[in-house]
Amino acid sequence: WASSRPDLFSSRVCGRLQHLQDHTQPHSLEATEAALDAAFGPGWRSVLRIAPHPVGSGCIAQVHRGELLRDGEWGPVAVKVLHPQVGRYIRADGALLRLVCGGLQRLPRVRWLNPGGGGGSRPSTRSE
């Protein structure tokens, strides 16, 4: 995220963080199929075809070209699939952030910033 925010960080910082966002190692086709099985059940294969190799892979997910069956015809789609275990990392990051914000909320000089003001929301993933 930070690598795409030159309004907040220097171009040097953004450049150094860029490798964390783009050109990451893709996960296997088997992992992609397992994620789709978990999200949609084993019947997804009757309405969705995916290319075996992703067109891109980032730090959170990868994207495959696909075809979706609609009204008896196959049409092109992009299929974005989270990397294995990334949901667990997102939940852990959220818990850590809530802990830190809770601690900051107790400091009188920081309280006005409302560090815990996220409304109790947390990130979610499709597999939840």
Foldseek 3Di string as FASTA:
>chain_A
DVLPCCVVDPPVVSVVCVVQFWDDDADFLVQVQVQCCLLPNPPVVVFKDWDRDFPTATNFWTKTWMWGQDPNDTDIDIDIGGDPPSQVVQQVVQVVQQVVLVVQCPDPVRVVVVSNPPVPDGDGDSSD
